[in-house]
Amino acid sequence: MPVFMTMTGNLNKKQRNTTVVKAVLVAYFTLIAFAFSGEVLFQFFGISVNSFRVVGGIIFFLMGQDMLQARLTSVKIDADAVKEYVTDISITPLAIPIICGPGAITNSIVLMQDANTWGLKGVLVVSIFVVLLTTFLVLRSSSVIMKFLGDTGNKIMMRLMGLIMMVIAVEFFFSGLTPILQGIFDIKP
């Protein structure tokens, strides 16, 4: 939420809502596409889920480091560039990788592989929808929440979230790296 508010600070309420809708829709369709075709794409390109976790961990770590050091600054844009800016940030970085990052994509692929029946696959699709609906509601009401927290509360929350993102990144990195190294050195887990 602090990242979203920082990036959309110069937009009016309608533009901010448009950004949220686009970002959540792109994230939803991305997750569904990867859930149903991710394993095929990974096999086609020779990518392992573990490699995806390593790269995702690095990306998350860098984003968390920026948040921890409060290096996220508001972006100044002119009125002519607002529409292009809203489209740009709603897809990258809001939809991908902030809302729909490597962890969410990897989890959707893994959970879809584990879903043996169409009923379980349906539950996964509905679960993704519910999580993204919650994300939509939080981001849409973020200006109210941010006003409640105040400037100091926002800075504290951003730095705490940055620290949490860095910890998650380390877990992702090593959960992907460990099987890769075990495979290289032929170590049995």
Protein backbone atom coordinates (compact mmCIF):
# COMPACT_ATOMS: atom_id res chain seq x y z
CA MET A 1 0.00 0.00 0.00
CA PRO A 2 2.77 2.56 0.72
CA VAL A 3 4.37 1.66 -2.60
CA PHE A 4 1.05 2.10 -4.40
CA MET A 5 0.39 5.46 -2.75
CA THR A 6 3.90 6.67 -3.50
CA MET A 7 3.59 5.73 -7.15
CA THR A 8 0.10 7.20 -7.54
CA GLY A 9 0.52 10.28 -5.35
CA ASN A 10 0.12 12.67 -8.30
CA LEU A 11 -3.03 11.00 -9.65
CA ASN A 12 -6.59 11.96 -8.83
CA LYS A 13 -9.03 9.47 -7.30
CA LYS A 14 -10.47 8.34 -10.65
CA GLN A 15 -7.01 7.76 -12.14
CA ARG A 16 -5.91 5.91 -9.00
CA ASN A 17 -9.01 3.67 -9.17
CA THR A 18 -8.37 2.99 -12.88
CA THR A 19 -4.81 2.00 -11.99
CA VAL A 20 -6.03 -0.37 -9.26
CA VAL A 21 -8.59 -2.04 -11.56
CA LYS A 22 -6.05 -2.56 -14.36
CA ALA A 23 -3.36 -3.84 -12.00
CA VAL A 24 -5.65 -6.36 -10.28
CA LEU A 25 -7.12 -7.60 -13.59
CA VAL A 26 -3.67 -8.06 -15.12
CA ALA A 27 -2.49 -9.87 -11.98
CA TYR A 28 -5.57 -12.15 -12.01
CA PHE A 29 -5.25 -13.15 -15.65
CA THR A 30 -1.49 -13.59 -15.29
CA LEU A 31 -1.94 -15.93 -12.32
CA ILE A 32 -4.67 -17.92 -14.09
CA ALA A 33 -2.58 -18.19 -17.26
CA PHE A 34 0.45 -19.42 -15.33
CA ALA A 35 -1.66 -21.77 -13.22
CA PHE A 36 -2.98 -23.54 -16.31
CA SER A 37 0.05 -23.28 -18.60
CA GLY A 38 3.02 -22.52 -16.36
CA GLU A 39 4.41 -26.04 -16.21
CA VAL A 40 4.25 -26.34 -20.01
CA LEU A 41 6.01 -22.98 -20.45
CA PHE A 42 8.68 -23.89 -17.93
CA GLN A 43 9.32 -27.22 -19.67
CA PHE A 44 9.40 -25.54 -23.11
CA PHE A 45 12.01 -22.99 -22.02
CA GLY A 46 13.85 -25.42 -19.75
CA ILE A 47 13.15 -23.33 -16.64
CA SER A 48 12.75 -24.95 -13.26
CA VAL A 49 10.51 -23.63 -10.52
CA ASN A 50 13.65 -23.47 -8.36
CA SER A 51 15.35 -21.11 -10.80
CA PHE A 52 12.23 -18.98 -10.76
CA ARG A 53 12.39 -18.88 -6.96
CA VAL A 54 16.04 -17.77 -7.00
CA VAL A 55 15.39 -14.91 -9.42
CA GLY A 56 12.18 -13.98 -7.60
CA GLY A 57 14.12 -13.86 -4.35
CA ILE A 58 16.67 -11.48 -5.84
CA ILE A 59 13.95 -9.20 -7.24
CA PHE A 60 12.04 -9.21 -3.94
CA PHE A 61 15.23 -8.48 -2.01
CA LEU A 62 16.05 -5.44 -4.13
CA MET A 63 12.50 -4.11 -3.82
CA GLY A 64 12.56 -4.69 -0.06
CA GLN A 65 15.90 -2.93 0.23
CA ASP A 66 14.49 0.13 -1.56
CA MET A 67 11.51 0.13 0.80
CA LEU A 68 13.70 -0.36 3.88
CA GLN A 69 15.87 2.60 2.94
CA ALA A 70 12.79 4.65 1.94
CA ARG A 71 14.21 5.22 -1.54
CA LEU A 72 10.77 5.07 -3.13
CA THR A 73 9.98 8.59 -4.20
CA SER A 74 6.95 10.07 -5.82
CA VAL A 75 7.14 10.45 -9.56
CA LYS A 76 6.51 13.85 -11.14
CA ILE A 77 4.57 13.67 -14.40
CA ASP A 78 2.88 16.18 -16.66
CA ALA A 79 -0.82 16.09 -17.51
CA ASP A 80 -0.23 14.71 -21.04
CA ALA A 81 1.64 11.70 -19.75
CA VAL A 82 -0.90 10.70 -17.06
CA LYS A 83 -2.82 8.16 -19.18
CA GLU A 84 0.38 6.47 -20.36
CA TYR A 85 1.76 6.52 -16.82
CA VAL A 86 -1.39 4.90 -15.39
CA THR A 87 -1.21 2.14 -18.00
CA ASP A 88 2.53 1.64 -17.46
CA ILE A 89 2.49 1.39 -13.67
CA SER A 90 -0.70 -0.65 -13.57
CA ILE A 91 1.04 -3.43 -15.51
CA THR A 92 4.62 -3.03 -14.31
CA PRO A 93 5.47 -2.81 -11.44
CA LEU A 94 2.02 -2.93 -9.74
CA ALA A 95 0.45 -6.01 -11.39
CA ILE A 96 3.78 -7.70 -12.05
CA PRO A 97 5.81 -8.17 -9.79
CA ILE A 98 4.22 -6.40 -6.78
CA ILE A 99 0.74 -7.99 -6.78
CA CYS A 100 1.55 -10.99 -8.94
CA GLY A 101 5.16 -11.72 -8.20
CA PRO A 102 7.36 -14.76 -8.52
CA GLY A 103 5.94 -16.23 -5.32
CA ALA A 104 2.34 -15.95 -6.42
CA ILE A 105 3.12 -17.28 -9.89
CA THR A 106 5.14 -20.18 -8.52
CA ASN A 107 2.43 -21.00 -5.97
CA SER A 108 -0.30 -20.94 -8.61
CA ILE A 109 1.70 -23.36 -10.77
CA VAL A 110 2.53 -25.70 -7.89
CA LEU A 111 -1.01 -25.66 -6.47
CA MET A 112 -2.50 -26.30 -9.91
CA GLN A 113 -0.18 -29.29 -10.32
CA ASP A 114 -1.36 -30.60 -6.94
CA ALA A 115 -5.06 -30.13 -7.81
CA ASN A 116 -6.12 -33.60 -8.98
CA THR A 117 -9.74 -32.84 -9.82
CA TRP A 118 -11.59 -30.09 -11.64
CA GLY A 119 -13.26 -29.22 -8.35
CA LEU A 120 -9.89 -28.50 -6.73
CA LYS A 121 -8.82 -26.51 -9.78
CA GLY A 122 -12.02 -24.47 -9.41
CA VAL A 123 -11.28 -23.87 -5.73
CA LEU A 124 -7.84 -22.57 -6.71
CA VAL A 125 -9.29 -20.19 -9.31
CA VAL A 126 -11.86 -18.90 -6.79
CA SER A 127 -9.15 -18.55 -4.13
CA ILE A 128 -7.02 -16.46 -6.48
CA PHE A 129 -10.08 -14.30 -7.19
CA VAL A 130 -10.83 -13.78 -3.48
CA VAL A 131 -7.22 -12.83 -2.67
CA LEU A 132 -7.09 -10.34 -5.53
CA LEU A 133 -10.51 -8.93 -4.61
CA THR A 134 -9.14 -8.29 -1.12
CA THR A 135 -6.05 -6.68 -2.66
CA PHE A 136 -8.31 -4.50 -4.80
CA LEU A 137 -10.33 -3.35 -1.78
CA VAL A 138 -7.21 -2.55 0.25
CA LEU A 139 -5.56 -0.60 -2.58
CA ARG A 140 -8.78 1.21 -3.42
CA SER A 141 -9.14 2.37 0.18
CA SER A 142 -5.42 3.00 0.63
CA SER A 143 -5.72 6.80 0.66
CA VAL A 144 -8.06 6.60 3.67
CA ILE A 145 -5.79 4.13 5.46
CA MET A 146 -2.70 6.22 4.68
CA LYS A 147 -4.38 9.38 6.05
CA PHE A 148 -5.24 7.46 9.23
CA LEU A 149 -1.62 6.30 9.67
CA GLY A 150 -0.10 9.70 8.95
CA ASP A 151 3.31 10.39 7.48
CA THR A 152 5.29 8.78 10.31
CA GLY A 153 3.07 5.69 10.33
CA ASN A 154 3.45 5.34 6.56
CA LYS A 155 7.24 5.51 6.80
CA ILE A 156 7.28 2.96 9.61
CA MET A 157 4.96 0.64 7.70
CA MET A 158 7.01 0.95 4.50
CA ARG A 159 10.23 0.11 6.29
CA LEU A 160 8.67 -2.82 8.15
CA MET A 161 7.22 -4.15 4.90
CA GLY A 162 10.62 -3.71 3.26
CA LEU A 163 12.22 -5.77 6.01
CA ILE A 164 9.54 -8.46 5.69
CA MET A 165 9.99 -8.50 1.90
CA MET A 166 13.74 -8.97 2.33
CA VAL A 167 13.20 -11.90 4.72
CA ILE A 168 10.72 -13.49 2.30
CA ALA A 169 13.26 -12.91 -0.49
CA VAL A 170 15.99 -14.74 1.41
CA GLU A 171 13.62 -17.67 2.04
CA PHE A 172 12.67 -17.75 -1.65
CA PHE A 173 16.29 -17.55 -2.75
CA PHE A 174 17.48 -20.39 -0.56
CA SER A 175 14.41 -22.57 -1.14
CA GLY A 176 15.26 -22.39 -4.84
CA LEU A 177 19.04 -22.56 -4.49
CA THR A 178 19.14 -25.58 -2.15
CA PRO A 179 17.62 -28.08 -4.64
CA ILE A 180 19.77 -26.66 -7.44
CA LEU A 181 22.94 -27.17 -5.40
CA GLN A 182 21.77 -30.62 -4.28
CA GLY A 183 21.32 -31.52 -7.94
CA ILE A 184 24.75 -30.18 -8.89
CA PHE A 185 26.55 -31.99 -6.08
CA ASP A 186 24.23 -35.02 -6.23
CA ILE A 187 23.26 -34.72 -2.57
CA LYS A 188 20.16 -36.55 -1.39
CA PRO A 189 17.80 -34.37 0.72
